[in-house]
N, C-alpha and C. Protein backbone atom coordinates (compact mmCIF):
# COMPACT_ATOMS: atom_id res chain seq x y z
N MET A 1 45.75 -77.04 64.05
CA MET A 1 45.25 -76.86 62.70
C MET A 1 43.72 -76.74 62.70
N THR A 2 43.05 -77.51 63.49
CA THR A 2 41.60 -77.47 63.57
C THR A 2 41.12 -76.12 64.05
N TYR A 3 41.81 -75.55 65.03
CA TYR A 3 41.42 -74.25 65.58
C TYR A 3 41.49 -73.16 64.50
N ARG A 4 42.59 -73.12 63.72
CA ARG A 4 42.73 -72.13 62.64
C ARG A 4 41.66 -72.34 61.59
N TYR A 5 41.36 -73.56 61.25
CA TYR A 5 40.35 -73.87 60.25
C TYR A 5 38.98 -73.35 60.70
N GLN A 6 38.69 -73.52 61.99
CA GLN A 6 37.41 -73.05 62.51
C GLN A 6 37.31 -71.53 62.46
N ILE A 7 38.40 -70.84 62.79
CA ILE A 7 38.39 -69.38 62.74
C ILE A 7 38.23 -68.91 61.30
N THR A 8 38.95 -69.52 60.36
CA THR A 8 38.85 -69.14 58.95
C THR A 8 37.45 -69.40 58.43
N THR A 9 36.88 -70.53 58.77
CA THR A 9 35.52 -70.86 58.33
C THR A 9 34.52 -69.89 58.94
N LEU A 10 34.72 -69.55 60.21
CA LEU A 10 33.83 -68.61 60.88
C LEU A 10 33.91 -67.24 60.22
N GLY A 11 35.11 -66.78 59.87
CA GLY A 11 35.28 -65.49 59.20
C GLY A 11 34.62 -65.48 57.83
N THR A 12 34.77 -66.56 57.09
CA THR A 12 34.16 -66.66 55.76
C THR A 12 32.65 -66.67 55.88
N THR A 13 32.13 -67.39 56.85
CA THR A 13 30.69 -67.45 57.08
C THR A 13 30.14 -66.07 57.46
N ALA A 14 30.86 -65.37 58.31
CA ALA A 14 30.41 -64.03 58.73
C ALA A 14 30.39 -63.08 57.54
N ARG A 15 31.44 -63.14 56.69
CA ARG A 15 31.46 -62.28 55.50
C ARG A 15 30.31 -62.63 54.56
N PHE A 16 30.05 -63.92 54.39
CA PHE A 16 28.96 -64.36 53.52
C PHE A 16 27.62 -63.86 54.05
N CYS A 17 27.40 -64.03 55.35
CA CYS A 17 26.14 -63.57 55.96
C CYS A 17 25.99 -62.05 55.84
N GLY A 18 27.10 -61.32 56.03
CA GLY A 18 27.06 -59.87 55.88
C GLY A 18 26.69 -59.47 54.45
N ALA A 19 27.25 -60.18 53.47
CA ALA A 19 26.94 -59.88 52.07
C ALA A 19 25.48 -60.17 51.77
N VAL A 20 24.95 -61.27 52.30
CA VAL A 20 23.55 -61.61 52.09
C VAL A 20 22.64 -60.55 52.72
N LEU A 21 22.97 -60.11 53.94
CA LEU A 21 22.16 -59.08 54.60
C LEU A 21 22.21 -57.77 53.83
N PHE A 22 23.38 -57.39 53.32
CA PHE A 22 23.50 -56.17 52.53
C PHE A 22 22.64 -56.28 51.27
N PHE A 23 22.70 -57.43 50.60
CA PHE A 23 21.90 -57.64 49.39
C PHE A 23 20.41 -57.54 49.69
N LEU A 24 19.98 -58.18 50.78
CA LEU A 24 18.56 -58.14 51.14
C LEU A 24 18.12 -56.72 51.50
N ALA A 25 18.98 -55.98 52.20
CA ALA A 25 18.65 -54.60 52.54
C ALA A 25 18.54 -53.74 51.28
N ALA A 26 19.45 -53.95 50.33
CA ALA A 26 19.40 -53.20 49.07
C ALA A 26 18.14 -53.55 48.30
N MET A 27 17.75 -54.81 48.31
CA MET A 27 16.52 -55.22 47.64
C MET A 27 15.31 -54.56 48.29
N ALA A 28 15.30 -54.49 49.61
CA ALA A 28 14.16 -53.89 50.32
C ALA A 28 14.05 -52.41 50.00
N VAL A 29 15.18 -51.71 49.95
CA VAL A 29 15.16 -50.28 49.62
C VAL A 29 14.67 -50.10 48.19
N GLY A 30 15.14 -50.92 47.26
CA GLY A 30 14.72 -50.82 45.88
C GLY A 30 13.26 -51.16 45.68
N ALA A 31 12.72 -52.00 46.54
CA ALA A 31 11.34 -52.45 46.40
C ALA A 31 10.35 -51.46 47.02
N GLN A 32 10.84 -50.50 47.82
CA GLN A 32 9.93 -49.55 48.44
C GLN A 32 9.27 -48.68 47.38
N ARG A 33 8.02 -48.44 47.56
CA ARG A 33 7.29 -47.56 46.65
C ARG A 33 6.92 -46.31 47.41
N GLU A 34 7.07 -45.20 46.73
CA GLU A 34 6.75 -43.93 47.37
C GLU A 34 5.53 -43.34 46.69
N THR A 35 4.39 -43.54 47.33
CA THR A 35 3.14 -42.99 46.81
C THR A 35 2.95 -41.60 47.42
N LEU A 36 2.48 -40.70 46.59
CA LEU A 36 2.22 -39.34 47.05
C LEU A 36 1.25 -39.36 48.21
N LEU A 37 1.54 -38.55 49.23
CA LEU A 37 0.57 -38.43 50.32
C LEU A 37 -0.69 -37.78 49.79
N ARG A 38 -1.79 -38.01 50.45
CA ARG A 38 -3.09 -37.53 49.97
C ARG A 38 -3.18 -36.01 50.15
N LEU A 39 -3.41 -35.33 49.03
CA LEU A 39 -3.58 -33.88 49.03
C LEU A 39 -5.01 -33.56 48.65
N GLU A 40 -5.73 -32.90 49.54
CA GLU A 40 -7.12 -32.52 49.28
C GLU A 40 -7.22 -31.00 49.21
N GLY A 41 -7.72 -30.54 48.08
CA GLY A 41 -7.86 -29.10 47.91
C GLY A 41 -8.98 -28.78 46.95
N GLN A 42 -8.92 -27.59 46.42
CA GLN A 42 -9.94 -27.13 45.49
C GLN A 42 -9.24 -26.48 44.30
N SER A 43 -9.77 -26.75 43.11
CA SER A 43 -9.21 -26.12 41.91
C SER A 43 -9.65 -24.65 41.88
N LEU A 44 -8.98 -23.88 41.06
CA LEU A 44 -9.36 -22.47 40.92
C LEU A 44 -10.74 -22.33 40.30
N SER A 45 -11.21 -23.38 39.63
CA SER A 45 -12.56 -23.35 39.06
C SER A 45 -13.61 -23.84 40.05
N GLY A 46 -13.19 -24.15 41.29
CA GLY A 46 -14.12 -24.51 42.34
C GLY A 46 -14.38 -26.00 42.51
N LYS A 47 -13.69 -26.84 41.78
CA LYS A 47 -13.90 -28.29 41.88
C LYS A 47 -13.01 -28.89 42.96
N PRO A 48 -13.56 -29.86 43.73
CA PRO A 48 -12.69 -30.54 44.71
C PRO A 48 -11.67 -31.41 43.97
N ILE A 49 -10.43 -31.39 44.47
CA ILE A 49 -9.35 -32.18 43.88
C ILE A 49 -8.71 -33.00 44.99
N VAL A 50 -8.49 -34.28 44.71
CA VAL A 50 -7.77 -35.16 45.62
C VAL A 50 -6.64 -35.80 44.82
N LEU A 51 -5.43 -35.52 45.23
CA LEU A 51 -4.27 -36.11 44.57
C LEU A 51 -3.64 -37.14 45.50
N PRO A 52 -3.17 -38.25 44.99
CA PRO A 52 -2.96 -38.59 43.59
C PRO A 52 -4.18 -39.18 42.87
N ASN A 53 -5.30 -39.37 43.55
CA ASN A 53 -6.47 -40.04 42.95
C ASN A 53 -6.89 -39.41 41.62
N ASP A 54 -7.01 -38.09 41.58
CA ASP A 54 -7.50 -37.43 40.37
C ASP A 54 -6.51 -37.49 39.21
N ALA A 55 -5.28 -37.86 39.50
CA ALA A 55 -4.26 -37.96 38.44
C ALA A 55 -4.07 -39.40 37.96
N ARG A 56 -4.69 -40.36 38.61
CA ARG A 56 -4.48 -41.77 38.25
C ARG A 56 -4.77 -42.01 36.78
N GLY A 57 -3.95 -42.86 36.20
CA GLY A 57 -4.10 -43.19 34.79
C GLY A 57 -3.30 -42.29 33.88
N LYS A 58 -2.71 -41.24 34.44
CA LYS A 58 -1.89 -40.32 33.65
C LYS A 58 -0.55 -40.10 34.33
N ILE A 59 0.42 -39.70 33.57
CA ILE A 59 1.70 -39.28 34.12
C ILE A 59 1.48 -37.84 34.55
N ALA A 60 1.72 -37.56 35.82
CA ALA A 60 1.37 -36.24 36.36
C ALA A 60 2.60 -35.53 36.91
N LEU A 61 2.71 -34.26 36.56
CA LEU A 61 3.71 -33.40 37.18
C LEU A 61 2.99 -32.50 38.16
N LEU A 62 3.40 -32.54 39.42
CA LEU A 62 2.90 -31.61 40.43
C LEU A 62 3.96 -30.55 40.63
N VAL A 63 3.58 -29.30 40.43
CA VAL A 63 4.48 -28.16 40.59
C VAL A 63 3.96 -27.40 41.79
N ILE A 64 4.68 -27.46 42.89
CA ILE A 64 4.19 -26.99 44.19
C ILE A 64 4.92 -25.73 44.62
N GLY A 65 4.15 -24.75 45.08
CA GLY A 65 4.73 -23.52 45.61
C GLY A 65 4.19 -23.23 46.99
N PHE A 66 5.03 -22.60 47.82
CA PHE A 66 4.65 -22.29 49.19
C PHE A 66 4.57 -20.79 49.47
N THR A 67 5.04 -19.95 48.54
CA THR A 67 5.02 -18.50 48.74
C THR A 67 4.60 -17.81 47.44
N LYS A 68 4.26 -16.53 47.57
CA LYS A 68 3.91 -15.75 46.37
C LYS A 68 5.09 -15.71 45.41
N LYS A 69 6.29 -15.52 45.94
CA LYS A 69 7.47 -15.44 45.09
C LYS A 69 7.74 -16.76 44.36
N SER A 70 7.37 -17.87 44.96
CA SER A 70 7.59 -19.17 44.30
C SER A 70 6.72 -19.31 43.06
N GLY A 71 5.71 -18.46 42.93
CA GLY A 71 4.85 -18.50 41.75
C GLY A 71 5.60 -18.30 40.45
N GLN A 72 6.66 -17.50 40.47
CA GLN A 72 7.47 -17.31 39.28
C GLN A 72 8.16 -18.61 38.88
N ALA A 73 8.72 -19.31 39.86
CA ALA A 73 9.43 -20.57 39.59
C ALA A 73 8.45 -21.66 39.16
N THR A 74 7.32 -21.76 39.87
CA THR A 74 6.36 -22.81 39.52
C THR A 74 5.79 -22.58 38.13
N GLY A 75 5.53 -21.32 37.81
CA GLY A 75 5.00 -21.00 36.49
C GLY A 75 5.97 -21.35 35.37
N ALA A 76 7.25 -21.08 35.58
CA ALA A 76 8.27 -21.38 34.57
C ALA A 76 8.40 -22.88 34.33
N TRP A 77 8.41 -23.67 35.42
CA TRP A 77 8.50 -25.13 35.28
C TRP A 77 7.27 -25.68 34.57
N ALA A 78 6.09 -25.24 34.98
CA ALA A 78 4.85 -25.74 34.38
C ALA A 78 4.77 -25.36 32.90
N GLN A 79 5.14 -24.13 32.57
CA GLN A 79 5.08 -23.68 31.18
C GLN A 79 6.02 -24.50 30.30
N ARG A 80 7.21 -24.78 30.80
CA ARG A 80 8.18 -25.56 29.99
C ARG A 80 7.71 -27.00 29.81
N PHE A 81 7.17 -27.61 30.86
CA PHE A 81 6.67 -28.98 30.76
C PHE A 81 5.48 -29.02 29.81
N ARG A 82 4.61 -28.03 29.91
CA ARG A 82 3.44 -27.94 29.04
C ARG A 82 3.85 -27.85 27.57
N LYS A 83 4.94 -27.14 27.30
CA LYS A 83 5.43 -27.00 25.93
C LYS A 83 5.77 -28.37 25.34
N ASP A 84 6.38 -29.25 26.13
CA ASP A 84 6.79 -30.57 25.63
C ASP A 84 5.68 -31.61 25.71
N PHE A 85 4.83 -31.54 26.73
CA PHE A 85 3.88 -32.62 26.98
C PHE A 85 2.42 -32.19 26.99
N GLY A 86 2.15 -30.92 26.85
CA GLY A 86 0.79 -30.40 26.94
C GLY A 86 -0.17 -30.97 25.92
N GLY A 87 0.32 -31.36 24.76
CA GLY A 87 -0.56 -31.90 23.72
C GLY A 87 -0.79 -33.39 23.82
N ASP A 88 -0.14 -34.05 24.77
CA ASP A 88 -0.26 -35.50 24.94
C ASP A 88 -1.26 -35.80 26.06
N GLN A 89 -2.33 -36.50 25.74
CA GLN A 89 -3.39 -36.80 26.71
C GLN A 89 -2.92 -37.72 27.84
N GLY A 90 -1.75 -38.33 27.69
CA GLY A 90 -1.23 -39.22 28.73
C GLY A 90 -0.54 -38.47 29.86
N TYR A 91 -0.39 -37.16 29.72
CA TYR A 91 0.29 -36.34 30.72
C TYR A 91 -0.66 -35.27 31.25
N VAL A 92 -0.44 -34.89 32.50
CA VAL A 92 -1.24 -33.83 33.11
C VAL A 92 -0.33 -33.05 34.06
N ILE A 93 -0.60 -31.76 34.17
CA ILE A 93 0.16 -30.90 35.08
C ILE A 93 -0.81 -30.35 36.12
N TYR A 94 -0.42 -30.49 37.38
CA TYR A 94 -1.17 -29.86 38.47
C TYR A 94 -0.26 -28.83 39.12
N SER A 95 -0.66 -27.59 39.10
CA SER A 95 0.01 -26.55 39.87
C SER A 95 -0.64 -26.56 41.24
N VAL A 96 0.17 -26.49 42.28
CA VAL A 96 -0.35 -26.58 43.65
C VAL A 96 0.17 -25.39 44.46
N ALA A 97 -0.74 -24.63 45.05
CA ALA A 97 -0.38 -23.53 45.94
C ALA A 97 -0.77 -23.93 47.36
N GLU A 98 0.22 -24.10 48.22
CA GLU A 98 -0.03 -24.44 49.62
C GLU A 98 -0.18 -23.13 50.39
N LEU A 99 -1.40 -22.86 50.87
CA LEU A 99 -1.73 -21.57 51.47
C LEU A 99 -2.11 -21.66 52.95
N GLU A 100 -1.77 -22.75 53.61
CA GLU A 100 -2.16 -22.90 55.01
C GLU A 100 -1.61 -21.76 55.88
N ASP A 101 -0.40 -21.29 55.58
CA ASP A 101 0.19 -20.22 56.39
C ASP A 101 -0.39 -18.84 56.11
N ALA A 102 -1.15 -18.72 55.03
CA ALA A 102 -1.76 -17.42 54.71
C ALA A 102 -2.85 -17.11 55.74
N PRO A 103 -2.93 -15.86 56.18
CA PRO A 103 -4.00 -15.50 57.12
C PRO A 103 -5.38 -15.81 56.53
N ARG A 104 -6.25 -16.36 57.35
CA ARG A 104 -7.59 -16.76 56.87
C ARG A 104 -8.35 -15.62 56.19
N LEU A 105 -8.21 -14.42 56.73
CA LEU A 105 -8.92 -13.28 56.16
C LEU A 105 -8.46 -12.95 54.75
N LEU A 106 -7.22 -13.33 54.40
CA LEU A 106 -6.66 -12.97 53.10
C LEU A 106 -6.73 -14.10 52.08
N ARG A 107 -7.10 -15.29 52.50
CA ARG A 107 -7.08 -16.44 51.59
C ARG A 107 -7.95 -16.25 50.36
N GLY A 108 -9.12 -15.68 50.52
CA GLY A 108 -10.01 -15.44 49.38
C GLY A 108 -9.39 -14.47 48.39
N MET A 109 -8.77 -13.42 48.91
CA MET A 109 -8.11 -12.44 48.03
C MET A 109 -6.92 -13.07 47.32
N ILE A 110 -6.15 -13.88 48.04
CA ILE A 110 -4.99 -14.54 47.43
C ILE A 110 -5.45 -15.48 46.34
N THR A 111 -6.46 -16.29 46.63
CA THR A 111 -6.98 -17.23 45.64
C THR A 111 -7.53 -16.49 44.43
N GLY A 112 -8.23 -15.38 44.66
CA GLY A 112 -8.76 -14.58 43.57
C GLY A 112 -7.65 -14.02 42.69
N GLY A 113 -6.57 -13.57 43.30
CA GLY A 113 -5.43 -13.06 42.55
C GLY A 113 -4.78 -14.14 41.70
N ILE A 114 -4.65 -15.33 42.28
CA ILE A 114 -4.09 -16.45 41.52
C ILE A 114 -5.01 -16.79 40.35
N ARG A 115 -6.32 -16.81 40.61
CA ARG A 115 -7.29 -17.13 39.56
C ARG A 115 -7.20 -16.13 38.40
N ARG A 116 -7.13 -14.84 38.74
CA ARG A 116 -7.04 -13.81 37.69
C ARG A 116 -5.77 -13.96 36.86
N GLY A 117 -4.69 -14.47 37.47
CA GLY A 117 -3.43 -14.62 36.75
C GLY A 117 -3.26 -15.96 36.06
N THR A 118 -4.27 -16.83 36.16
CA THR A 118 -4.19 -18.16 35.57
C THR A 118 -5.17 -18.27 34.41
N PRO A 119 -4.71 -18.68 33.23
CA PRO A 119 -5.63 -18.84 32.10
C PRO A 119 -6.77 -19.79 32.45
N PRO A 120 -7.99 -19.52 31.99
CA PRO A 120 -9.14 -20.37 32.31
C PRO A 120 -8.91 -21.85 31.97
N ALA A 121 -8.18 -22.13 30.92
CA ALA A 121 -7.93 -23.53 30.52
C ALA A 121 -7.09 -24.29 31.55
N GLU A 122 -6.38 -23.57 32.41
CA GLU A 122 -5.51 -24.21 33.40
C GLU A 122 -6.11 -24.22 34.80
N GLN A 123 -7.25 -23.58 34.99
CA GLN A 123 -7.82 -23.43 36.33
C GLN A 123 -8.35 -24.73 36.93
N ASP A 124 -8.78 -25.67 36.10
CA ASP A 124 -9.26 -26.96 36.62
C ASP A 124 -8.14 -27.77 37.27
N ARG A 125 -6.90 -27.48 36.90
CA ARG A 125 -5.77 -28.26 37.41
C ARG A 125 -4.81 -27.40 38.24
N PHE A 126 -5.30 -26.28 38.71
CA PHE A 126 -4.53 -25.46 39.65
C PHE A 126 -5.20 -25.63 41.00
N VAL A 127 -4.49 -26.25 41.94
CA VAL A 127 -5.06 -26.67 43.22
C VAL A 127 -4.58 -25.76 44.34
N THR A 128 -5.52 -25.30 45.16
CA THR A 128 -5.17 -24.56 46.37
C THR A 128 -5.38 -25.49 47.57
N LEU A 129 -4.39 -25.51 48.44
CA LEU A 129 -4.44 -26.33 49.66
C LEU A 129 -4.42 -25.41 50.87
N PHE A 130 -5.23 -25.74 51.87
CA PHE A 130 -5.28 -24.94 53.09
C PHE A 130 -4.99 -25.77 54.34
N GLN A 131 -4.49 -26.97 54.16
CA GLN A 131 -4.11 -27.82 55.28
C GLN A 131 -2.99 -28.76 54.83
N GLY A 132 -2.32 -29.36 55.81
CA GLY A 132 -1.29 -30.36 55.52
C GLY A 132 0.05 -29.80 55.09
N GLU A 133 0.29 -28.52 55.39
CA GLU A 133 1.54 -27.90 54.93
C GLU A 133 2.78 -28.57 55.52
N ALA A 134 2.77 -28.85 56.82
CA ALA A 134 3.95 -29.45 57.46
C ALA A 134 4.27 -30.81 56.84
N GLU A 135 3.25 -31.63 56.61
CA GLU A 135 3.47 -32.95 56.02
C GLU A 135 3.99 -32.83 54.59
N LEU A 136 3.42 -31.89 53.83
CA LEU A 136 3.85 -31.70 52.45
C LEU A 136 5.30 -31.20 52.41
N LYS A 137 5.64 -30.29 53.29
CA LYS A 137 7.02 -29.80 53.35
C LYS A 137 7.99 -30.93 53.66
N ARG A 138 7.63 -31.82 54.57
CA ARG A 138 8.49 -32.97 54.86
C ARG A 138 8.61 -33.86 53.63
N PHE A 139 7.50 -34.09 52.97
CA PHE A 139 7.48 -35.00 51.82
C PHE A 139 8.36 -34.49 50.67
N VAL A 140 8.36 -33.19 50.44
CA VAL A 140 9.14 -32.63 49.33
C VAL A 140 10.55 -32.21 49.77
N ALA A 141 10.91 -32.46 51.03
CA ALA A 141 12.22 -32.06 51.56
C ALA A 141 12.42 -30.55 51.41
N PHE A 142 11.45 -29.81 51.92
CA PHE A 142 11.41 -28.35 51.83
C PHE A 142 12.70 -27.74 52.38
N SER A 143 13.26 -26.77 51.63
CA SER A 143 14.45 -26.08 52.11
C SER A 143 14.43 -24.59 51.81
N ASN A 144 13.83 -24.17 50.69
CA ASN A 144 13.81 -22.76 50.31
C ASN A 144 12.37 -22.36 49.98
N PRO A 145 11.82 -21.40 50.68
CA PRO A 145 10.41 -21.06 50.48
C PRO A 145 10.07 -20.56 49.07
N ASP A 146 11.03 -20.00 48.36
CA ASP A 146 10.74 -19.43 47.05
C ASP A 146 11.02 -20.37 45.88
N ASP A 147 11.40 -21.61 46.18
CA ASP A 147 11.63 -22.61 45.14
C ASP A 147 10.31 -23.22 44.69
N ALA A 148 10.34 -23.78 43.49
CA ALA A 148 9.27 -24.66 43.03
C ALA A 148 9.66 -26.06 43.46
N TYR A 149 8.70 -26.85 43.92
CA TYR A 149 8.94 -28.25 44.30
C TYR A 149 8.19 -29.11 43.30
N LEU A 150 8.90 -30.06 42.71
CA LEU A 150 8.37 -30.85 41.59
C LEU A 150 8.30 -32.31 41.96
N LEU A 151 7.16 -32.92 41.68
CA LEU A 151 6.97 -34.36 41.86
C LEU A 151 6.40 -34.92 40.56
N LEU A 152 7.07 -35.89 40.00
CA LEU A 152 6.58 -36.56 38.79
C LEU A 152 6.02 -37.91 39.21
N LEU A 153 4.74 -38.11 38.93
CA LEU A 153 4.04 -39.34 39.32
C LEU A 153 3.79 -40.21 38.11
N ASP A 154 3.90 -41.52 38.31
CA ASP A 154 3.50 -42.42 37.23
C ASP A 154 1.98 -42.58 37.25
N ALA A 155 1.45 -43.40 36.38
CA ALA A 155 0.00 -43.54 36.25
C ALA A 155 -0.65 -44.16 37.48
N ASN A 156 0.15 -44.74 38.39
CA ASN A 156 -0.37 -45.32 39.62
C ASN A 156 -0.24 -44.38 40.82
N GLY A 157 0.25 -43.18 40.60
CA GLY A 157 0.38 -42.22 41.69
C GLY A 157 1.67 -42.35 42.48
N GLU A 158 2.64 -43.11 41.96
CA GLU A 158 3.92 -43.27 42.65
C GLU A 158 4.90 -42.21 42.17
N VAL A 159 5.64 -41.65 43.11
CA VAL A 159 6.63 -40.63 42.78
C VAL A 159 7.81 -41.30 42.10
N LYS A 160 8.11 -40.87 40.87
CA LYS A 160 9.21 -41.45 40.10
C LYS A 160 10.37 -40.48 39.93
N TRP A 161 10.12 -39.19 40.18
CA TRP A 161 11.17 -38.19 40.07
C TRP A 161 10.77 -37.02 40.95
N ARG A 162 11.75 -36.37 41.53
CA ARG A 162 11.50 -35.19 42.35
C ARG A 162 12.65 -34.21 42.19
N GLY A 163 12.31 -32.94 42.37
CA GLY A 163 13.32 -31.91 42.29
C GLY A 163 12.78 -30.61 42.87
N HIS A 164 13.64 -29.62 42.97
CA HIS A 164 13.18 -28.30 43.42
C HIS A 164 14.19 -27.25 42.99
N GLY A 165 13.71 -26.04 42.91
CA GLY A 165 14.58 -24.93 42.58
C GLY A 165 13.92 -24.00 41.58
N LEU A 166 14.68 -23.00 41.19
CA LEU A 166 14.25 -22.09 40.15
C LEU A 166 14.42 -22.81 38.82
N PHE A 167 13.67 -22.40 37.82
CA PHE A 167 13.76 -23.08 36.53
C PHE A 167 15.09 -22.77 35.85
N ARG A 168 15.73 -23.83 35.38
CA ARG A 168 16.90 -23.73 34.52
C ARG A 168 16.77 -24.82 33.47
N GLU A 169 16.99 -24.48 32.23
CA GLU A 169 16.83 -25.44 31.13
C GLU A 169 17.68 -26.68 31.35
N GLU A 170 18.90 -26.51 31.85
CA GLU A 170 19.77 -27.67 32.07
C GLU A 170 19.23 -28.60 33.15
N ASP A 171 18.47 -28.08 34.11
CA ASP A 171 17.83 -28.92 35.12
C ASP A 171 16.57 -29.58 34.57
N TYR A 172 15.90 -28.89 33.66
CA TYR A 172 14.67 -29.42 33.07
C TYR A 172 14.91 -30.73 32.31
N VAL A 173 16.08 -30.89 31.73
CA VAL A 173 16.39 -32.08 30.93
C VAL A 173 16.15 -33.37 31.73
N ALA A 174 16.53 -33.38 33.00
CA ALA A 174 16.34 -34.57 33.84
C ALA A 174 14.85 -34.88 34.02
N LEU A 175 14.04 -33.84 34.23
CA LEU A 175 12.59 -34.02 34.36
C LEU A 175 12.01 -34.54 33.05
N ARG A 176 12.37 -33.92 31.96
CA ARG A 176 11.86 -34.33 30.65
C ARG A 176 12.20 -35.80 30.36
N ASP A 177 13.45 -36.18 30.62
CA ASP A 177 13.88 -37.55 30.37
C ASP A 177 13.11 -38.55 31.24
N ALA A 178 12.89 -38.19 32.50
CA ALA A 178 12.15 -39.07 33.41
C ALA A 178 10.70 -39.21 32.93
N ALA A 179 10.09 -38.12 32.48
CA ALA A 179 8.71 -38.15 32.00
C ALA A 179 8.60 -39.01 30.73
N GLN A 180 9.56 -38.89 29.85
CA GLN A 180 9.53 -39.68 28.60
C GLN A 180 9.66 -41.17 28.90
N LYS A 181 10.47 -41.52 29.90
CA LYS A 181 10.66 -42.94 30.25
C LYS A 181 9.38 -43.57 30.81
N LEU A 182 8.50 -42.75 31.38
CA LEU A 182 7.25 -43.26 31.95
C LEU A 182 6.16 -43.48 30.90
N ALA A 183 6.38 -42.95 29.70
CA ALA A 183 5.35 -43.08 28.65
C ALA A 183 5.16 -44.54 28.27
N PRO A 184 3.91 -44.95 28.07
CA PRO A 184 3.67 -46.33 27.66
C PRO A 184 4.32 -46.58 26.31
N LYS A 185 4.84 -47.76 26.16
CA LYS A 185 5.53 -48.11 24.90
C LYS A 185 4.55 -48.62 23.88
């Protein structure tokens, strides 16, 4: 009888310890904070931009593109977000063009073309990047070069929502809801 009792007690103890370890692991995953990696670039108006630092204190949407074709998707996402949140000083949109893969000789022409196609009021928050592409692609879980990659940051620069793809109104609802939840009460 003692032998069976010891085995039963040992099994119960093992299950209890396993449950405690699972709980602690779940707590650790939930407690992890994902801060945006440091992005250093230049706005279309010529100002140096460092993200997430320059976005601190505001809820920020970063709309990131890696190809010329992705400009259509990034523009659609930014325009729709601007429609809902553009008048609220607590929100900011940064469009980001990652151009490290562009030939050096063409970068000035590419940047000039983007500048000509961007309204002057949006040029201070349109960032061109010429380094860190591999790290950024890993961070956004890059899969399709022509998609827009979206990162929603809280006022502390922590990523609270992410997504990618072509703009679809039904997908936008999730972004809008996440942005509204971050608004100060």
